[in-house]
Amino acid sequence: MSTPDHAAAELVRAAAVPLDGPQGSWDGLLELVGDAGFVLLGEATHGTQEFYRARAEITKRLIREKGFTAVAVEADWPDAYRVNRYVRGEGSDRSADEALGSFERFPTWMWRNTEIVRLIDWLRAYNASPAEGEHAVGFYGVDLYSLYASIEAVVGYLETVDPQAAARARQRYACFEHTDEPQVYGHMVDLGITQSCQDEAVRQLTELRNRAAELAARDGALPEDEHFYAEQNARLVLNAEEYYREMFRGSVSSWNLRDCHMADTLDALARHFDARGTPAKIVVWEHNSHLGDASATEMGSQGEWNVGQLVRERHGGAARLIGFSTYTGTVTAADNWDEPAETKRVNPGMTGSYEVLFHDVGVPNFLLRMRDAGDLRPQLRDPRLQRAIGVIYRPRTERLSHYFHACLAQQFDAIIHLDETSALAPLDRQGEAAPRIEEETYPFGV
């Protein structure tokens, strides 16, 4: 007699679309996308080569065949905007490697890696010679860690278009000069050592917004996105200021602030493209934990929301949420935050997890669309363990640190399972520990 998991594996096998060819592999996914304007591509780890490679191939097809005009990634706004200038043929960088030079903060390998270089080179070539009816594609970061870099970017922009406004901005942002570490700033405010800079950040953002048309008219010698870039940096300063205060008061509130900021940035991008008369079609690269609908996970029951949930609530049928999964292999990750990257062995999936269920299907790589799940959907609605590896991986406490319960049928519109995967190749090896295979894991940072 079949066990429940064996029966479920048989049902997955019947619904799965094998991914066994370089050209037609993603046809089923492109069909699922349809006319959606937001396609959210997750990852089960922050250091798996095959996830990056698959997302790049899907992204290229979305651009070529579906008219997507922006790639938005889980990265800081000013760092990614340097890449945006490069792929549009602007700025002074001479190579993709140089354009990624602002990614200096841990974990550098997330964006300074060989797969991203290939994608950036492709985007630059695509933008250099668009076919009739095609639009240039931008590259944007949606995260909010870059408090001080964003302050510098706001002041730098204003120096170009209005030096007096730059002086006012510098005076307002002087409130942050007690330290150059945002975590330290947040801790000092929490302890009452210094006052919050929130009011000054609000004043600066308000001035930029109120003078948007005037300043945009003055920056005629600059690329047309520059005022938008500055305004988003000012908004980031405001949200990051709150984030770094909240991180000392509770993980749920800081998580929610961060994901709300990322979802709001996607909406700001869409409005900006609409105002320019460019189709607002955005492909998003973030971790599964950010892009899978949190209301269908253990996170949601603890009061957390995420980008995937917010995009679904705001855009409904215009959004497609795509998750990724792997059973075993290797991954690029660190033992602790801000420590060197290593090549670590990924433990086989745990009993009772989606990873084991998909491994038991016996198809190495496949796409499972939830609308095709049929008789399987009730079983995918029941909570099951799901693994999440971020930039930290310690196998020794894997169940506690890397697994949570999720209901896959509500969490994603489709899942891409790649059974055995390999570690992402960072561009930078200097200063990093030599690659080694690690048999242990722990808390994931996403």
Protein backbone atom coordinates (compact mmCIF):
# COMPACT_ATOMS: atom_id res chain seq x y z
CA MET A 1 0.00 0.00 0.00
CA SER A 2 1.37 3.46 -0.92
CA THR A 3 2.33 5.87 1.84
CA PRO A 4 0.82 9.39 1.67
CA ASP A 5 4.17 10.85 0.59
CA HIS A 6 4.63 8.18 -2.08
CA ALA A 7 1.18 8.95 -3.44
CA ALA A 8 1.94 12.68 -3.37
CA ALA A 9 5.22 12.10 -5.24
CA GLU A 10 3.32 10.19 -7.92
CA LEU A 11 0.87 13.07 -8.29
CA VAL A 12 3.75 15.58 -8.58
CA ARG A 13 5.38 13.38 -11.23
CA ALA A 14 2.16 13.41 -13.25
CA ALA A 15 1.89 17.23 -13.09
CA ALA A 16 5.58 18.14 -13.36
CA VAL A 17 7.10 19.65 -16.51
CA PRO A 18 10.65 18.27 -16.87
CA LEU A 19 13.36 20.89 -17.41
CA ASP A 20 15.70 18.92 -19.62
CA GLY A 21 16.40 21.14 -22.62
CA PRO A 22 18.23 24.45 -23.01
CA GLN A 23 15.72 26.10 -25.37
CA GLY A 24 12.14 25.03 -24.62
CA SER A 25 12.54 24.47 -20.88
CA TRP A 26 10.77 27.65 -19.83
CA ASP A 27 7.83 27.60 -22.28
CA GLY A 28 5.48 26.35 -19.56
CA LEU A 29 6.57 29.14 -17.23
CA LEU A 30 6.18 31.82 -19.92
CA GLU A 31 2.66 30.51 -20.57
CA LEU A 32 1.90 30.84 -16.85
CA VAL A 33 3.22 34.43 -16.84
CA GLY A 34 0.76 35.44 -19.54
CA ASP A 35 0.19 39.21 -19.38
CA ALA A 36 1.39 39.61 -15.78
CA GLY A 37 3.36 42.78 -15.06
CA PHE A 38 5.21 41.49 -11.98
CA VAL A 39 7.11 38.20 -12.07
CA LEU A 40 8.79 37.39 -8.75
CA LEU A 41 11.62 34.84 -9.04
CA GLY A 42 12.76 33.44 -5.71
CA GLU A 43 15.67 31.30 -4.57
CA ALA A 44 15.98 28.76 -1.75
CA THR A 45 19.52 29.95 -0.96
CA HIS A 46 21.57 33.08 -1.58
CA GLY A 47 24.50 31.09 -2.96
CA THR A 48 23.35 28.56 -5.58
CA GLN A 49 24.68 28.85 -9.13
CA GLU A 50 21.76 27.08 -10.81
CA PHE A 51 19.19 29.43 -9.24
CA TYR A 52 21.00 32.48 -10.63
CA ARG A 53 21.48 30.85 -14.01
CA ALA A 54 17.84 29.79 -14.31
CA ARG A 55 16.56 33.21 -13.25
CA ALA A 56 18.84 34.86 -15.81
CA GLU A 57 17.50 32.69 -18.64
CA ILE A 58 13.90 33.29 -17.56
CA THR A 59 14.58 37.03 -17.28
CA LYS A 60 16.02 37.19 -20.81
CA ARG A 61 12.94 35.51 -22.21
CA LEU A 62 10.62 37.83 -20.25
CA ILE A 63 12.46 40.80 -21.73
CA ARG A 64 12.56 39.49 -25.30
CA GLU A 65 9.13 37.85 -25.47
CA LYS A 66 7.02 39.66 -22.86
CA GLY A 67 8.40 43.20 -23.01
CA PHE A 68 9.73 43.40 -19.45
CA THR A 69 11.55 46.68 -18.81
CA ALA A 70 13.11 46.37 -15.34
CA VAL A 71 15.06 43.88 -13.26
CA ALA A 72 14.63 44.60 -9.53
CA VAL A 73 16.87 42.73 -7.11
CA GLU A 74 17.37 42.24 -3.37
CA ALA A 75 20.21 44.77 -3.29
CA ASP A 76 20.80 48.34 -2.18
CA TRP A 77 19.39 51.09 -4.40
CA PRO A 78 22.59 53.16 -4.97
CA ASP A 79 24.80 50.09 -5.59
CA ALA A 80 22.39 48.66 -8.16
CA TYR A 81 21.83 52.06 -9.78
CA ARG A 82 25.49 52.15 -10.75
CA VAL A 83 24.81 48.92 -12.64
CA ASN A 84 21.68 50.51 -14.12
CA ARG A 85 23.79 53.31 -15.58
CA TYR A 86 26.21 50.78 -17.06
CA VAL A 87 23.57 48.61 -18.74
CA ARG A 88 22.06 51.77 -20.24
CA GLY A 89 25.43 52.84 -21.66
CA GLU A 90 25.86 55.67 -19.14
CA GLY A 91 28.45 56.35 -16.44
CA SER A 92 32.20 55.80 -16.55
CA ASP A 93 32.47 52.06 -15.80
CA ARG A 94 34.21 50.10 -18.55
CA SER A 95 33.06 46.59 -17.60
CA ALA A 96 30.40 44.74 -15.67
CA ASP A 97 32.98 43.96 -13.00
CA GLU A 98 33.65 47.68 -12.53
CA ALA A 99 29.93 48.49 -12.50
CA LEU A 100 29.51 46.04 -9.61
CA GLY A 101 32.26 47.82 -7.68
CA SER A 102 29.90 49.49 -5.19
CA PHE A 103 28.85 46.10 -3.79
CA GLU A 104 31.37 46.16 -0.95
CA ARG A 105 29.15 45.21 1.98
CA PHE A 106 28.68 41.60 3.12
CA PRO A 107 27.54 39.41 1.40
CA THR A 108 29.39 40.59 -1.71
CA TRP A 109 28.97 37.25 -3.51
CA MET A 110 25.21 37.75 -3.87
CA TRP A 111 25.80 40.25 -6.68
CA ARG A 112 29.54 40.13 -7.36
CA ASN A 113 29.46 36.71 -9.01
CA THR A 114 30.03 35.25 -12.45
CA GLU A 115 26.34 34.70 -13.25
CA ILE A 116 25.45 38.34 -12.59
CA VAL A 117 28.35 39.52 -14.76
CA ARG A 118 26.93 37.48 -17.65
CA LEU A 119 23.46 38.93 -17.14
CA ILE A 120 24.76 42.51 -16.97
CA ASP A 121 26.76 42.04 -20.15
CA TRP A 122 23.65 40.67 -21.86
CA LEU A 123 21.51 43.63 -20.66
CA ARG A 124 24.06 46.16 -21.90
CA ALA A 125 24.24 44.48 -25.32
CA TYR A 126 20.42 44.27 -25.50
CA ASN A 127 20.04 47.97 -24.67
CA ALA A 128 22.74 48.98 -27.15
CA SER A 129 20.80 47.77 -30.18
CA PRO A 130 17.09 47.44 -29.44
CA ALA A 131 14.79 46.08 -32.10
CA GLU A 132 11.81 48.11 -33.26
CA GLY A 133 9.30 48.55 -30.45
CA GLU A 134 11.70 47.42 -27.72
CA HIS A 135 12.46 49.51 -24.64
CA ALA A 136 15.71 49.81 -22.70
CA VAL A 137 15.81 47.60 -19.60
CA GLY A 138 16.91 48.95 -16.23
CA PHE A 139 18.54 47.27 -13.23
CA TYR A 140 17.40 48.39 -9.76
CA GLY A 141 17.93 47.50 -6.10
CA VAL A 142 14.95 47.49 -3.73
CA ASP A 143 16.60 46.97 -0.34
CA LEU A 144 17.16 49.61 2.37
CA TYR A 145 20.51 48.95 4.07
CA SER A 146 22.34 51.79 2.30
CA LEU A 147 21.56 54.63 4.73
CA TYR A 148 24.82 56.56 4.37
CA ALA A 149 25.40 55.81 0.69
CA SER A 150 21.90 57.11 -0.05
CA ILE A 151 22.59 60.30 1.93
CA GLU A 152 25.70 60.87 -0.20
CA ALA A 153 23.70 60.22 -3.37
CA VAL A 154 20.99 62.78 -2.47
CA VAL A 155 23.56 65.48 -1.68
CA GLY A 156 25.57 64.62 -4.80
CA TYR A 157 22.54 64.99 -7.06
CA LEU A 158 21.57 68.33 -5.52
CA GLU A 159 25.12 69.63 -5.89
CA THR A 160 24.63 69.19 -9.63
CA VAL A 161 21.20 70.84 -9.98
CA ASP A 162 20.89 73.21 -6.99
CA PRO A 163 23.91 73.83 -4.68
CA GLN A 164 21.76 75.76 -2.19
CA ALA A 165 19.40 72.79 -1.88
CA ALA A 166 22.46 70.58 -1.43
CA ALA A 167 23.57 72.75 1.49
CA ARG A 168 20.15 72.37 3.12
CA ALA A 169 20.28 68.60 2.64
CA ARG A 170 23.77 68.44 4.12
CA GLN A 171 22.58 70.40 7.16
CA ARG A 172 19.59 68.12 7.67
CA TYR A 173 21.56 64.91 7.24
CA ALA A 174 24.25 66.16 9.66
CA CYS A 175 21.98 64.65 12.30
CA PHE A 176 23.37 61.24 11.27
CA GLU A 177 27.01 62.21 11.77
CA HIS A 178 27.33 60.72 15.27
CA THR A 179 28.47 57.48 13.61
CA ASP A 180 28.99 56.02 10.15
CA GLU A 181 27.49 52.65 11.13
CA PRO A 182 23.69 52.53 10.79
CA GLN A 183 23.33 49.75 13.37
CA VAL A 184 25.24 51.88 15.88
CA TYR A 185 22.99 54.85 15.06
CA GLY A 186 19.89 52.76 15.73
CA HIS A 187 21.32 51.48 19.01
CA MET A 188 22.25 55.00 20.16
CA VAL A 189 18.71 56.23 19.48
CA ASP A 190 17.24 53.21 21.24
CA LEU A 191 19.39 53.92 24.32
CA GLY A 192 18.49 57.62 24.28
CA ILE A 193 22.09 58.69 23.64
CA THR A 194 21.10 60.66 20.56
CA GLN A 195 17.84 61.87 19.06
CA SER A 196 16.13 60.27 16.09
CA CYS A 197 16.85 61.92 12.73
CA GLN A 198 13.42 61.01 11.40
CA ASP A 199 12.09 64.58 11.22
CA GLU A 200 15.08 65.78 9.23
CA ALA A 201 14.77 62.85 6.83
CA VAL A 202 11.07 63.65 6.34
CA ARG A 203 11.85 67.31 5.60
CA GLN A 204 14.42 66.37 2.97
CA LEU A 205 12.15 63.89 1.22
CA THR A 206 9.27 66.37 1.29
CA GLU A 207 11.38 69.09 -0.34
CA LEU A 208 12.55 66.77 -3.10
CA ARG A 209 8.99 65.67 -3.83
CA ASN A 210 7.57 69.20 -3.75
CA ARG A 211 10.26 70.44 -6.14
CA ALA A 212 10.27 67.38 -8.40
CA ALA A 213 9.16 69.14 -11.60
CA GLU A 214 11.40 72.15 -11.02
CA LEU A 215 14.54 70.13 -10.27
CA ALA A 216 13.88 67.64 -13.05
CA ALA A 217 13.73 70.60 -15.49
CA ARG A 218 17.10 71.82 -14.21
CA ASP A 219 18.84 68.47 -14.67
CA GLY A 220 18.44 68.46 -18.45
CA ALA A 221 22.13 67.62 -18.86
CA LEU A 222 21.64 64.49 -16.75
CA PRO A 223 19.94 61.20 -17.69
CA GLU A 224 16.17 61.40 -17.26
CA ASP A 225 16.09 58.97 -14.31
CA GLU A 226 18.37 61.04 -12.07
CA HIS A 227 15.74 62.97 -10.13
CA PHE A 228 13.78 59.77 -9.58
CA TYR A 229 17.00 58.13 -8.39
CA ALA A 230 17.61 60.95 -5.89
CA GLU A 231 14.04 60.94 -4.60
CA GLN A 232 14.16 57.18 -4.03
CA ASN A 233 17.41 57.61 -2.10
CA ALA A 234 15.74 60.22 0.11
CA ARG A 235 12.82 57.85 0.73
CA LEU A 236 15.32 55.11 1.52
CA VAL A 237 17.05 57.32 4.12
CA LEU A 238 13.71 57.86 5.85
CA ASN A 239 12.78 54.17 5.84
CA ALA A 240 16.28 52.97 6.75
CA GLU A 241 16.36 55.35 9.70
CA GLU A 242 13.20 53.73 11.05
CA TYR A 243 14.44 50.23 10.19
CA TYR A 244 17.69 50.60 12.15
CA ARG A 245 15.76 51.90 15.17
CA GLU A 246 13.22 49.10 15.01
CA MET A 247 15.79 46.32 14.66
CA PHE A 248 16.56 46.70 18.38
CA ARG A 249 12.89 46.46 19.35
CA GLY A 250 11.65 43.39 17.51
CA SER A 251 12.47 41.22 14.52
CA VAL A 252 8.87 41.14 13.23
CA SER A 253 8.55 44.93 12.99
CA SER A 254 11.94 45.39 11.31
CA TRP A 255 11.21 42.54 8.84
CA ASN A 256 7.84 44.10 7.97
CA LEU A 257 9.39 47.56 7.52
CA ARG A 258 12.03 46.17 5.18
CA ASP A 259 9.62 44.17 3.02
CA CYS A 260 7.13 47.03 2.89
CA HIS A 261 9.95 49.29 1.67
CA MET A 262 10.86 46.79 -1.05
CA ALA A 263 7.23 46.44 -2.20
CA ASP A 264 6.81 50.23 -2.18
CA THR A 265 9.97 50.57 -4.30
CA LEU A 266 8.49 48.20 -6.89
CA ASP A 267 5.35 50.34 -7.00
CA ALA A 268 7.44 53.53 -7.31
CA LEU A 269 9.31 51.97 -10.23
CA ALA A 270 6.04 51.02 -11.91
CA ARG A 271 4.67 54.56 -11.51
CA HIS A 272 7.91 56.02 -12.84
CA PHE A 273 7.83 53.84 -15.94
CA ASP A 274 4.14 54.59 -16.52
CA ALA A 275 4.83 58.34 -16.29
CA ARG A 276 7.52 57.98 -18.95
CA GLY A 277 5.24 56.04 -21.25
CA THR A 278 7.29 52.87 -20.85
CA PRO A 279 5.56 49.56 -20.08
CA ALA A 280 5.88 48.91 -16.34
CA LYS A 281 6.79 45.23 -16.39
CA ILE A 282 9.17 44.19 -13.62
CA VAL A 283 10.96 40.91 -12.90
CA VAL A 284 12.06 40.63 -9.26
CA TRP A 285 14.93 38.56 -7.84
CA GLU A 286 14.78 37.89 -4.09
CA HIS A 287 14.87 34.99 -1.66
CA ASN A 288 11.85 32.68 -1.41
CA SER A 289 11.29 34.03 2.09
CA HIS A 290 10.59 37.47 0.63
CA LEU A 291 8.71 36.44 -2.51
CA GLY A 292 6.56 33.50 -1.42
CA ASP A 293 3.27 34.76 0.03
CA ALA A 294 3.94 35.00 3.78
CA SER A 295 0.27 34.53 4.64
CA ALA A 296 0.69 30.88 3.60
CA THR A 297 3.68 30.30 5.89
CA GLU A 298 4.71 30.04 9.50
CA MET A 299 6.04 33.61 9.12
CA GLY A 300 2.55 34.90 8.52
CA SER A 301 1.17 33.23 11.64
CA GLN A 302 3.81 35.15 13.61
CA GLY A 303 2.64 38.49 12.25
CA GLU A 304 5.11 38.91 9.40
CA TRP A 305 4.26 39.91 5.85
CA ASN A 306 6.55 40.02 2.86
CA VAL A 307 7.00 41.35 -0.67
CA GLY A 308 5.13 38.47 -2.31
CA GLN A 309 2.08 38.91 -0.11
CA LEU A 310 2.03 42.70 -0.57
CA VAL A 311 2.43 42.49 -4.37
CA ARG A 312 -0.41 39.97 -4.56
CA GLU A 313 -2.65 42.15 -2.40
CA ARG A 314 -1.88 45.27 -4.44
CA HIS A 315 -1.79 43.81 -7.95
CA GLY A 316 -3.82 40.58 -7.83
CA GLY A 317 -3.73 38.68 -11.11
CA ALA A 318 -0.94 40.90 -12.47
CA ALA A 319 1.57 39.10 -10.23
CA ARG A 320 3.21 35.68 -10.56
CA LEU A 321 5.18 34.23 -7.63
CA ILE A 322 7.77 31.60 -8.59
CA GLY A 323 9.72 29.66 -5.95
CA PHE A 324 12.87 27.55 -6.22
CA SER A 325 13.85 24.37 -4.39
CA THR A 326 16.84 22.02 -4.12
CA TYR A 327 17.44 18.73 -2.33
CA THR A 328 21.23 18.64 -1.91
CA GLY A 329 24.56 19.80 -3.37
CA THR A 330 26.83 22.68 -2.37
CA VAL A 331 26.22 26.34 -1.57
CA THR A 332 28.25 29.51 -1.08
CA ALA A 333 27.57 30.78 2.44
CA ALA A 334 29.26 31.96 5.63
CA ASP A 335 29.40 30.61 9.17
CA ASN A 336 28.43 33.97 10.67
CA TRP A 337 27.48 37.43 9.49
CA ASP A 338 30.35 39.38 7.93
CA GLU A 339 32.63 36.33 7.79
CA PRO A 340 34.31 34.89 4.66
CA ALA A 341 32.32 32.95 2.10
CA GLU A 342 32.87 29.20 1.91
CA THR A 343 31.64 26.34 -0.21
CA LYS A 344 29.43 24.26 2.07
CA ARG A 345 27.73 20.91 1.59
CA VAL A 346 23.93 21.16 1.59
CA ASN A 347 22.39 18.37 3.67
CA PRO A 348 19.78 16.19 1.93
CA GLY A 349 16.27 17.44 2.64
CA MET A 350 14.64 16.50 5.94
CA THR A 351 11.87 13.93 6.29
CA GLY A 352 8.48 15.58 5.93
CA SER A 353 9.79 18.43 3.78
CA TYR A 354 8.94 19.62 0.29
CA GLU A 355 12.58 18.97 -0.60
CA VAL A 356 12.19 15.24 0.11
CA LEU A 357 8.81 15.11 -1.62
CA PHE A 358 10.28 16.62 -4.78
CA HIS A 359 13.39 14.44 -4.61
CA ASP A 360 11.18 11.35 -4.45
CA VAL A 361 9.50 12.38 -7.72
CA GLY A 362 12.56 10.98 -9.47
CA VAL A 363 12.75 13.81 -12.05
CA PRO A 364 16.02 15.72 -11.50
CA ASN A 365 14.74 19.15 -12.57
CA PHE A 366 11.13 20.17 -13.09
CA LEU A 367 8.55 22.94 -13.09
CA LEU A 368 5.35 22.46 -11.10
CA ARG A 369 2.56 24.93 -11.84
CA MET A 370 -0.03 25.05 -9.07
CA ARG A 371 -2.87 25.33 -11.56
CA ASP A 372 -1.78 21.94 -12.97
CA ALA A 373 -1.56 20.25 -9.56
CA GLY A 374 -5.12 18.88 -9.74
CA ASP A 375 -5.61 16.16 -7.12
CA LEU A 376 -2.33 17.23 -5.51
CA ARG A 377 -3.56 20.67 -4.48
CA PRO A 378 -5.20 19.54 -1.19
CA GLN A 379 -1.90 17.97 -0.11
CA LEU A 380 0.05 21.10 -1.08
CA ARG A 381 -2.33 23.15 1.06
CA ASP A 382 -1.36 21.20 4.18
CA PRO A 383 1.63 22.67 6.06
CA ARG A 384 4.91 20.95 5.23
CA LEU A 385 8.51 21.78 6.09
CA GLN A 386 10.36 24.04 3.66
CA ARG A 387 14.06 24.93 3.76
CA ALA A 388 15.50 28.45 3.57
CA ILE A 389 19.25 29.06 3.42
CA GLY A 390 20.35 32.67 3.30
CA VAL A 391 23.90 33.98 3.54
CA ILE A 392 24.57 31.96 6.72
CA TYR A 393 24.40 28.17 6.73
CA ARG A 394 25.10 25.85 9.69
CA PRO A 395 23.87 22.28 9.17
CA ARG A 396 24.31 21.28 12.80
CA THR A 397 21.04 22.94 13.84
CA GLU A 398 19.32 22.71 10.47
CA ARG A 399 15.75 21.95 11.59
CA LEU A 400 15.63 24.88 14.01
CA SER A 401 17.59 27.30 11.86
CA HIS A 402 16.62 26.62 8.27
CA TYR A 403 13.15 25.09 8.16
CA PHE A 404 9.67 26.53 8.58
CA HIS A 405 6.17 25.30 7.69
CA ALA A 406 4.49 26.48 4.51
CA CYS A 407 1.46 25.68 2.36
CA LEU A 408 2.96 25.60 -1.13
CA ALA A 409 -0.27 25.84 -3.11
CA GLN A 410 -0.99 29.28 -1.62
CA GLN A 411 2.63 30.39 -1.27
CA PHE A 412 3.63 30.26 -4.96
CA ASP A 413 2.04 30.09 -8.39
CA ALA A 414 4.78 27.67 -9.46
CA ILE A 415 7.87 25.98 -8.03
CA ILE A 416 11.07 25.11 -9.88
CA HIS A 417 12.87 22.14 -8.32
CA LEU A 418 16.54 21.51 -9.17
CA ASP A 419 17.44 18.36 -7.27
CA GLU A 420 21.23 18.69 -6.98
CA THR A 421 22.83 22.12 -7.23
CA SER A 422 26.27 23.71 -6.88
CA ALA A 423 27.85 26.69 -5.15
CA LEU A 424 27.79 30.12 -6.73
CA ALA A 425 31.20 31.39 -7.94
CA PRO A 426 32.11 34.78 -6.37
CA LEU A 427 34.20 37.25 -8.36
CA ASP A 428 36.31 38.01 -5.30
CA ARG A 429 38.39 35.36 -3.59
CA GLN A 430 40.86 37.73 -1.96
CA GLY A 431 40.12 38.04 1.72
CA GLU A 432 37.75 35.08 1.67
CA ALA A 433 38.38 31.72 3.23
CA ALA A 434 39.43 28.97 0.86
CA PRO A 435 36.46 26.93 -0.35
CA ARG A 436 35.77 23.95 1.87
CA ILE A 437 32.99 21.44 2.25
CA GLU A 438 31.17 21.98 5.53
CA GLU A 439 28.91 19.32 7.00
CA GLU A 440 27.01 21.62 9.35
CA THR A 441 24.49 24.55 9.14
CA TYR A 442 22.55 27.31 11.12
CA PRO A 443 20.45 30.57 11.15
CA PHE A 444 19.73 31.85 7.70
CA GLY A 445 20.10 35.51 6.85
CA VAL A 446 17.81 36.61 4.02
